[in-house]
């Protein structure tokens, strides 16, 4: 194996590793986003159900709590999930871009190798 082939093999290995990592990270971030969206939706539905109750109604959550306290906690939770989802979406975009770049680099490398082999033949 020549030095050129060794270097080429190392480049291919690095690109494949980057592609695998990016793919794994995209899937991980998407799973986290789904979890946050589910938690957000649950908090929104609970808030909707509680909105029909009178403010002086005492609700059950660990210990009886006043409705306004519980409603505030739920709205804070919704805001937190929205913030988390936005941050995760930025990560997802980064990793998808990284994945696309690695795929493009790998395809370009294969094209160059094929062109070089065809010109030798």
C-alpha atoms as a PDB file:
ATOM      1  CA  UNK A   1       0.000   0.000   0.000  1.00  0.00           C
ATOM      2  CA  UNK A   2       1.544   3.294  -1.035  1.00  0.00           C
ATOM      3  CA  UNK A   3       1.684   6.392   1.109  1.00  0.00           C
ATOM      4  CA  UNK A   4      -0.945   8.011  -1.100  1.00  0.00           C
ATOM      5  CA  UNK A   5      -3.286   5.047  -0.602  1.00  0.00           C
ATOM      6  CA  UNK A   6      -2.675   5.139   3.160  1.00  0.00           C
ATOM      7  CA  UNK A   7      -3.483   8.842   3.311  1.00  0.00           C
ATOM      8  CA  UNK A   8      -6.553   8.285   1.175  1.00  0.00           C
ATOM      9  CA  UNK A   9      -7.675   5.448   3.448  1.00  0.00           C
ATOM     10  CA  UNK A  10      -7.243   7.696   6.486  1.00  0.00           C
ATOM     11  CA  UNK A  11      -9.264  10.482   4.852  1.00  0.00           C
ATOM     12  CA  UNK A  12     -12.061   8.056   3.969  1.00  0.00           C
ATOM     13  CA  UNK A  13     -12.039   6.685   7.515  1.00  0.00           C
ATOM     14  CA  UNK A  14     -12.226  10.200   8.997  1.00  0.00           C
ATOM     15  CA  UNK A  15     -15.088  11.201   6.704  1.00  0.00           C
ATOM     16  CA  UNK A  16     -17.003   8.020   7.497  1.00  0.00           C
ATOM     17  CA  UNK A  17     -16.510   8.596  11.223  1.00  0.00           C
ATOM     18  CA  UNK A  18     -17.742  12.168  10.922  1.00  0.00           C
ATOM     19  CA  UNK A  19     -20.763  11.014   8.924  1.00  0.00           C
ATOM     20  CA  UNK A  20     -21.626   8.344  11.495  1.00  0.00           C
ATOM     21  CA  UNK A  21     -21.246  10.756  14.414  1.00  0.00           C
ATOM     22  CA  UNK A  22     -23.358  13.401  12.701  1.00  0.00           C
ATOM     23  CA  UNK A  23     -26.082  10.880  11.880  1.00  0.00           C
ATOM     24  CA  UNK A  24     -26.099   9.635  15.479  1.00  0.00           C
ATOM     25  CA  UNK A  25     -26.250  13.168  16.865  1.00  0.00           C
ATOM     26  CA  UNK A  26     -29.122  14.173  14.551  1.00  0.00           C
ATOM     27  CA  UNK A  27     -31.124  11.166  15.768  1.00  0.00           C
ATOM     28  CA  UNK A  28     -30.299  11.947  19.402  1.00  0.00           C
ATOM     29  CA  UNK A  29     -31.290  15.598  19.113  1.00  0.00           C
ATOM     30  CA  UNK A  30     -34.515  14.698  17.315  1.00  0.00           C
ATOM     31  CA  UNK A  31     -35.405  12.268  20.119  1.00  0.00           C
ATOM     32  CA  UNK A  32     -34.727  14.982  22.712  1.00  0.00           C
ATOM     33  CA  UNK A  33     -36.880  17.417  20.751  1.00  0.00           C
ATOM     34  CA  UNK A  34     -39.743  14.920  20.643  1.00  0.00           C
ATOM     35  CA  UNK A  35     -39.491  14.448  24.404  1.00  0.00           C
ATOM     36  CA  UNK A  36     -39.559  18.212  25.010  1.00  0.00           C
ATOM     37  CA  UNK A  37     -42.518  18.644  22.666  1.00  0.00           C
ATOM     38  CA  UNK A  38     -44.381  15.864  24.485  1.00  0.00           C
ATOM     39  CA  UNK A  39     -43.674  17.470  27.883  1.00  0.00           C
ATOM     40  CA  UNK A  40     -44.734  20.866  26.551  1.00  0.00           C
ATOM     41  CA  UNK A  41     -47.959  19.447  25.133  1.00  0.00           C
ATOM     42  CA  UNK A  42     -48.736  17.718  28.439  1.00  0.00           C
ATOM     43  CA  UNK A  43     -48.249  20.979  30.346  1.00  0.00           C
ATOM     44  CA  UNK A  44     -50.430  22.842  27.828  1.00  0.00           C
ATOM     45  CA  UNK A  45     -53.211  20.259  28.086  1.00  0.00           C
ATOM     46  CA  UNK A  46     -53.071  20.324  31.886  1.00  0.00           C
ATOM     47  CA  UNK A  47     -53.229  24.123  31.840  1.00  0.00           C
ATOM     48  CA  UNK A  48     -56.220  23.964  29.506  1.00  0.00           C
ATOM     49  CA  UNK A  49     -58.026  21.560  31.831  1.00  0.00           C
ATOM     50  CA  UNK A  50     -57.261  23.708  34.873  1.00  0.00           C
ATOM     51  CA  UNK A  51     -58.394  26.915  33.164  1.00  0.00           C
ATOM     52  CA  UNK A  52     -62.008  25.838  33.620  1.00  0.00           C
ATOM     53  CA  UNK A  53     -61.659  25.775  37.400  1.00  0.00           C
ATOM     54  CA  UNK A  54     -62.242  28.685  39.746  1.00  0.00           C
ATOM     55  CA  UNK A  55     -59.015  30.377  40.965  1.00  0.00           C
ATOM     56  CA  UNK A  56     -59.765  29.479  44.584  1.00  0.00           C
ATOM     57  CA  UNK A  57     -59.969  25.773  43.742  1.00  0.00           C
ATOM     58  CA  UNK A  58     -57.365  23.723  45.567  1.00  0.00           C
ATOM     59  CA  UNK A  59     -55.789  21.158  43.258  1.00  0.00           C
ATOM     60  CA  UNK A  60     -53.856  18.008  43.969  1.00  0.00           C
ATOM     61  CA  UNK A  61     -50.175  17.860  43.107  1.00  0.00           C
ATOM     62  CA  UNK A  62     -47.993  16.236  45.732  1.00  0.00           C
ATOM     63  CA  UNK A  63     -49.821  18.322  48.328  1.00  0.00           C
ATOM     64  CA  UNK A  64     -52.860  20.464  47.726  1.00  0.00           C
ATOM     65  CA  UNK A  65     -51.818  23.658  45.976  1.00  0.00           C
ATOM     66  CA  UNK A  66     -53.772  26.735  44.951  1.00  0.00           C
ATOM     67  CA  UNK A  67     -54.711  26.803  41.284  1.00  0.00           C
ATOM     68  CA  UNK A  68     -52.737  29.988  40.444  1.00  0.00           C
ATOM     69  CA  UNK A  69     -49.541  28.409  41.781  1.00  0.00           C
ATOM     70  CA  UNK A  70     -50.024  25.295  39.695  1.00  0.00           C
ATOM     71  CA  UNK A  71     -50.960  27.312  36.608  1.00  0.00           C
ATOM     72  CA  UNK A  72     -47.788  29.416  36.967  1.00  0.00           C
ATOM     73  CA  UNK A  73     -45.646  26.289  37.298  1.00  0.00           C
ATOM     74  CA  UNK A  74     -47.202  24.846  34.170  1.00  0.00           C
ATOM     75  CA  UNK A  75     -46.746  28.032  32.141  1.00  0.00           C
ATOM     76  CA  UNK A  76     -43.112  28.186  33.292  1.00  0.00           C
ATOM     77  CA  UNK A  77     -42.708  24.569  32.201  1.00  0.00           C
ATOM     78  CA  UNK A  78     -44.159  25.336  28.761  1.00  0.00           C
ATOM     79  CA  UNK A  79     -41.774  28.283  28.360  1.00  0.00           C
ATOM     80  CA  UNK A  80     -38.835  26.121  29.430  1.00  0.00           C
ATOM     81  CA  UNK A  81     -39.767  23.399  26.934  1.00  0.00           C
ATOM     82  CA  UNK A  82     -40.086  25.981  24.140  1.00  0.00           C
ATOM     83  CA  UNK A  83     -36.645  27.343  24.999  1.00  0.00           C
ATOM     84  CA  UNK A  84     -35.157  23.826  25.102  1.00  0.00           C
ATOM     85  CA  UNK A  85     -36.802  22.934  21.803  1.00  0.00           C
ATOM     86  CA  UNK A  86     -35.372  26.047  20.144  1.00  0.00           C
ATOM     87  CA  UNK A  87     -31.870  25.226  21.398  1.00  0.00           C
ATOM     88  CA  UNK A  88     -32.208  21.608  20.301  1.00  0.00           C
ATOM     89  CA  UNK A  89     -33.419  22.689  16.879  1.00  0.00           C
ATOM     90  CA  UNK A  90     -30.246  24.752  16.454  1.00  0.00           C
ATOM     91  CA  UNK A  91     -28.183  21.678  17.389  1.00  0.00           C
ATOM     92  CA  UNK A  92     -30.169  19.552  14.955  1.00  0.00           C
ATOM     93  CA  UNK A  93     -29.523  22.024  12.153  1.00  0.00           C
ATOM     94  CA  UNK A  94     -25.785  22.052  12.965  1.00  0.00           C
ATOM     95  CA  UNK A  95     -25.529  18.257  12.958  1.00  0.00           C
ATOM     96  CA  UNK A  96     -27.592  17.905   9.790  1.00  0.00           C
ATOM     97  CA  UNK A  97     -25.306  20.418   8.085  1.00  0.00           C
ATOM     98  CA  UNK A  98     -22.279  18.500   9.354  1.00  0.00           C
ATOM     99  CA  UNK A  99     -23.767  15.239   8.081  1.00  0.00           C
ATOM    100  CA  UNK A 100     -24.505  16.731   4.652  1.00  0.00           C
ATOM    101  CA  UNK A 101     -20.985  18.150   4.445  1.00  0.00           C
ATOM    102  CA  UNK A 102     -19.415  14.793   5.328  1.00  0.00           C
ATOM    103  CA  UNK A 103     -21.587  13.012   2.754  1.00  0.00           C
ATOM    104  CA  UNK A 104     -20.629  15.552   0.100  1.00  0.00           C
ATOM    105  CA  UNK A 105     -16.932  15.275   0.917  1.00  0.00           C
ATOM    106  CA  UNK A 106     -17.103  11.487   0.801  1.00  0.00           C
ATOM    107  CA  UNK A 107     -18.938  11.498  -2.532  1.00  0.00           C
ATOM    108  CA  UNK A 108     -16.459  13.994  -3.980  1.00  0.00           C
ATOM    109  CA  UNK A 109     -13.553  11.842  -2.830  1.00  0.00           C
ATOM    110  CA  UNK A 110     -15.078   8.751  -4.451  1.00  0.00           C
ATOM    111  CA  UNK A 111     -15.655  10.723  -7.661  1.00  0.00           C
ATOM    112  CA  UNK A 112     -12.029  11.874  -7.688  1.00  0.00           C
ATOM    113  CA  UNK A 113     -10.781   8.325  -7.133  1.00  0.00           C
ATOM    114  CA  UNK A 114     -12.959   7.008  -9.951  1.00  0.00           C
ATOM    115  CA  UNK A 115     -11.780   9.774 -12.284  1.00  0.00           C
ATOM    116  CA  UNK A 116      -8.140   9.061 -11.421  1.00  0.00           C
ATOM    117  CA  UNK A 117      -8.613   5.330 -12.036  1.00  0.00           C
ATOM    118  CA  UNK A 118     -10.365   5.942 -15.355  1.00  0.00           C
ATOM    119  CA  UNK A 119      -7.575   8.246 -16.529  1.00  0.00           C
ATOM    120  CA  UNK A 120      -4.974   5.552 -15.723  1.00  0.00           C
ATOM    121  CA  UNK A 121      -6.825   2.916 -17.726  1.00  0.00           C
END
